[in-house]
Amino acid sequence: MSNDKDKKNAFTIIKDDSTDGHGGYGGGVISLENMSSVIVDPNENEAYVDMDAMHARSKIERRVKWTHVKEEVPNGKLYWIVWVNVERTEEGKKYSGVAASEIRVDRENKRAYKFMPEHIKHMESSLKGKVMVDHMDDHSRKLLKDYLENFDKEMWELSSDELKEELSR
């Protein structure tokens, strides 16, 4: 029997394509079925899946007033929402697109920074199989690498050399 915690700690894994290539209703619509949101918290040295981030309702995003001006949250703690796309290949499942979006949260003042156009761009890039993690700090990249590798070694091994190299810098 699974509980809610198990659901939040699992990647969304590929389902059948509902359009099956017929091009009818729903054809050409972007599907987020294969995407998961990983929170990287360098403050607590952890990374974890929080699917509520897909709807801007993750644990770290709740109960704060948002701004798109970083300077308005000078004491905000750094977090990353990493959009991870999973793809099935002949060899098996792999992490295909990984793009990180910065947020800053100041719990004490109930203020937080997020630049939504950047989050949307990064989600889209992940869906297209791109790797965008070079703007992350080294510690956060290592936390993400360790998490993805330990979550599913086979998916990690099948992933692109680019992803492995970017997260190992």
Protein backbone atom coordinates (compact mmCIF):
# COMPACT_ATOMS: atom_id res chain seq x y z
CA MET A 1 0.00 0.00 0.00
CA SER A 2 1.52 3.34 -0.99
CA ASN A 3 1.11 6.60 0.85
CA ASP A 4 1.29 10.23 -0.23
CA LYS A 5 4.97 10.45 0.68
CA ASP A 6 5.80 7.62 -1.76
CA LYS A 7 3.96 9.44 -4.54
CA LYS A 8 5.98 12.62 -3.98
CA ASN A 9 9.28 10.74 -4.04
CA ALA A 10 8.75 8.97 -7.36
CA PHE A 11 9.44 10.22 -10.85
CA THR A 12 6.57 10.47 -13.27
CA ILE A 13 7.29 7.62 -15.63
CA ILE A 14 6.15 7.38 -19.22
CA LYS A 15 2.58 6.43 -20.04
CA ASP A 16 1.21 5.52 -23.45
CA ASP A 17 0.79 8.44 -25.86
CA SER A 18 -2.88 9.32 -25.67
CA THR A 19 -2.89 10.69 -29.21
CA ASP A 20 -1.15 7.64 -30.73
CA GLY A 21 -0.12 9.81 -33.65
CA HIS A 22 -3.66 10.20 -35.00
CA GLY A 23 -3.38 14.01 -34.96
CA GLY A 24 -6.95 14.46 -33.73
CA TYR A 25 -8.06 16.28 -30.61
CA GLY A 26 -5.06 16.87 -28.38
CA GLY A 27 -2.58 16.43 -31.22
CA GLY A 28 0.31 18.88 -30.92
CA VAL A 29 -0.39 19.56 -27.24
CA ILE A 30 2.67 19.54 -24.99
CA SER A 31 2.47 16.71 -22.48
CA LEU A 32 4.04 16.99 -19.03
CA GLU A 33 3.45 13.28 -18.33
CA ASN A 34 7.16 12.50 -18.50
CA MET A 35 8.34 15.45 -16.44
CA SER A 36 9.08 15.55 -12.74
CA SER A 37 10.16 18.41 -10.53
CA VAL A 38 13.15 17.89 -8.27
CA ILE A 39 13.82 20.39 -5.51
CA VAL A 40 17.50 20.95 -4.77
CA ASP A 41 18.02 22.51 -1.36
CA PRO A 42 21.71 23.38 -0.88
CA ASN A 43 20.87 24.81 2.57
CA GLU A 44 19.86 21.39 3.89
CA ASN A 45 22.11 19.37 1.53
CA GLU A 46 19.22 17.50 -0.03
CA ALA A 47 17.35 16.89 -3.26
CA TYR A 48 13.91 15.33 -3.58
CA VAL A 49 10.97 15.01 -5.95
CA ASP A 50 8.07 17.33 -5.20
CA MET A 51 5.44 16.98 -7.91
CA ASP A 52 3.50 19.90 -6.41
CA ALA A 53 6.14 22.20 -7.95
CA MET A 54 4.56 21.43 -11.31
CA HIS A 55 1.70 23.67 -10.14
CA ALA A 56 3.84 26.10 -8.10
CA ARG A 57 2.65 24.50 -4.87
CA SER A 58 5.77 22.75 -3.58
CA LYS A 59 6.57 22.78 0.11
CA ILE A 60 9.08 25.62 -0.35
CA GLU A 61 6.72 27.71 -2.52
CA ARG A 62 3.81 27.89 -0.08
CA ARG A 63 2.85 30.79 2.21
CA VAL A 64 5.05 33.48 0.68
CA LYS A 65 4.41 36.52 -1.48
CA TRP A 66 6.21 36.24 -4.82
CA THR A 67 8.18 38.86 -6.68
CA HIS A 68 10.08 38.71 -9.97
CA VAL A 69 12.71 41.16 -8.66
CA LYS A 70 15.54 39.27 -6.95
CA GLU A 71 16.74 42.36 -5.06
CA GLU A 72 13.42 42.47 -3.19
CA VAL A 73 14.42 39.23 -1.42
CA PRO A 74 17.98 40.03 -0.24
CA ASN A 75 17.94 37.44 2.57
CA GLY A 76 16.30 34.68 0.58
CA LYS A 77 17.66 31.15 0.77
CA LEU A 78 18.59 29.61 -2.55
CA TYR A 79 16.61 26.65 -3.90
CA TRP A 80 16.43 25.11 -7.36
CA ILE A 81 13.41 23.58 -9.04
CA VAL A 82 14.88 21.20 -11.57
CA TRP A 83 12.63 20.10 -14.40
CA VAL A 84 13.59 16.51 -15.24
CA ASN A 85 12.20 14.84 -18.32
CA VAL A 86 12.30 11.04 -18.68
CA GLU A 87 12.38 9.36 -22.07
CA ARG A 88 12.05 5.72 -23.08
CA THR A 89 14.57 4.43 -25.60
CA GLU A 90 15.21 0.95 -26.99
CA GLU A 91 17.79 0.48 -24.22
CA GLY A 92 15.42 1.63 -21.46
CA LYS A 93 14.39 4.79 -19.62
CA LYS A 94 16.80 7.69 -19.24
CA TYR A 95 16.91 11.25 -18.00
CA SER A 96 16.63 13.15 -21.27
CA GLY A 97 16.13 16.80 -20.36
CA VAL A 98 17.25 18.55 -17.18
CA ALA A 99 16.89 22.29 -16.59
CA ALA A 100 17.20 24.14 -13.28
CA SER A 101 15.27 27.25 -12.24
CA GLU A 102 16.33 29.40 -9.31
CA ILE A 103 14.08 30.54 -6.51
CA ARG A 104 14.93 32.46 -3.33
CA VAL A 105 12.76 32.19 -0.23
CA ASP A 106 12.83 34.41 2.86
CA ARG A 107 10.53 32.58 5.28
CA GLU A 108 10.96 35.14 8.05
CA ASN A 109 9.63 37.97 5.86
CA LYS A 110 7.28 35.73 3.83
CA ARG A 111 8.80 36.93 0.55
CA ALA A 112 10.19 34.92 -2.33
CA TYR A 113 11.75 35.45 -5.75
CA LYS A 114 10.84 33.53 -8.89
CA PHE A 115 11.07 34.69 -12.49
CA MET A 116 8.23 32.79 -14.19
CA PRO A 117 9.36 33.35 -17.81
CA GLU A 118 12.64 31.61 -16.89
CA HIS A 119 10.80 28.68 -15.28
CA ILE A 120 8.63 28.25 -18.37
CA LYS A 121 11.68 28.44 -20.65
CA HIS A 122 13.48 25.82 -18.56
CA MET A 123 10.46 23.49 -18.49
CA GLU A 124 10.22 23.76 -22.26
CA SER A 125 13.95 23.13 -22.67
CA SER A 126 13.74 20.04 -20.49
CA LEU A 127 10.84 18.73 -22.57
CA LYS A 128 13.01 19.20 -25.67
CA GLY A 129 15.80 17.11 -24.11
CA LYS A 130 18.16 19.98 -23.32
CA VAL A 131 20.50 20.18 -20.34
CA MET A 132 20.58 23.58 -18.62
CA VAL A 133 22.43 23.37 -15.31
CA ASP A 134 25.56 25.45 -15.92
CA HIS A 135 24.11 28.38 -13.94
CA MET A 136 23.78 26.24 -10.79
CA ASP A 137 26.41 26.46 -8.07
CA ASP A 138 28.79 23.48 -7.79
CA HIS A 139 27.29 22.19 -4.53
CA SER A 140 23.74 22.19 -5.95
CA ARG A 141 24.88 20.43 -9.14
CA LYS A 142 26.54 17.71 -7.04
CA LEU A 143 23.38 17.26 -4.95
CA LEU A 144 21.35 16.88 -8.15
CA LYS A 145 23.85 14.47 -9.71
CA ASP A 146 23.94 12.29 -6.60
CA TYR A 147 20.16 12.28 -6.37
CA LEU A 148 19.55 11.33 -10.01
CA GLU A 149 22.29 8.70 -9.96
CA ASN A 150 21.08 7.13 -6.71
CA PHE A 151 17.39 7.33 -7.63
CA ASP A 152 17.85 5.02 -10.61
CA LYS A 153 21.36 3.91 -11.63
CA GLU A 154 20.14 2.43 -14.91
CA MET A 155 18.41 5.65 -15.98
CA TRP A 156 21.57 7.56 -15.02
CA GLU A 157 23.81 5.20 -17.01
CA LEU A 158 21.61 5.51 -20.11
CA SER A 159 21.54 9.32 -19.90
CA SER A 160 23.62 11.50 -22.18
CA ASP A 161 27.30 12.17 -21.62
CA GLU A 162 26.41 15.87 -21.73
CA LEU A 163 24.19 15.53 -18.65
CA LYS A 164 26.80 13.52 -16.76
CA GLU A 165 29.56 16.00 -17.65
CA GLU A 166 27.48 19.09 -16.79
CA LEU A 167 26.57 17.69 -13.38
CA SER A 168 30.15 16.54 -12.68
CA ARG A 169 31.83 19.91 -13.22
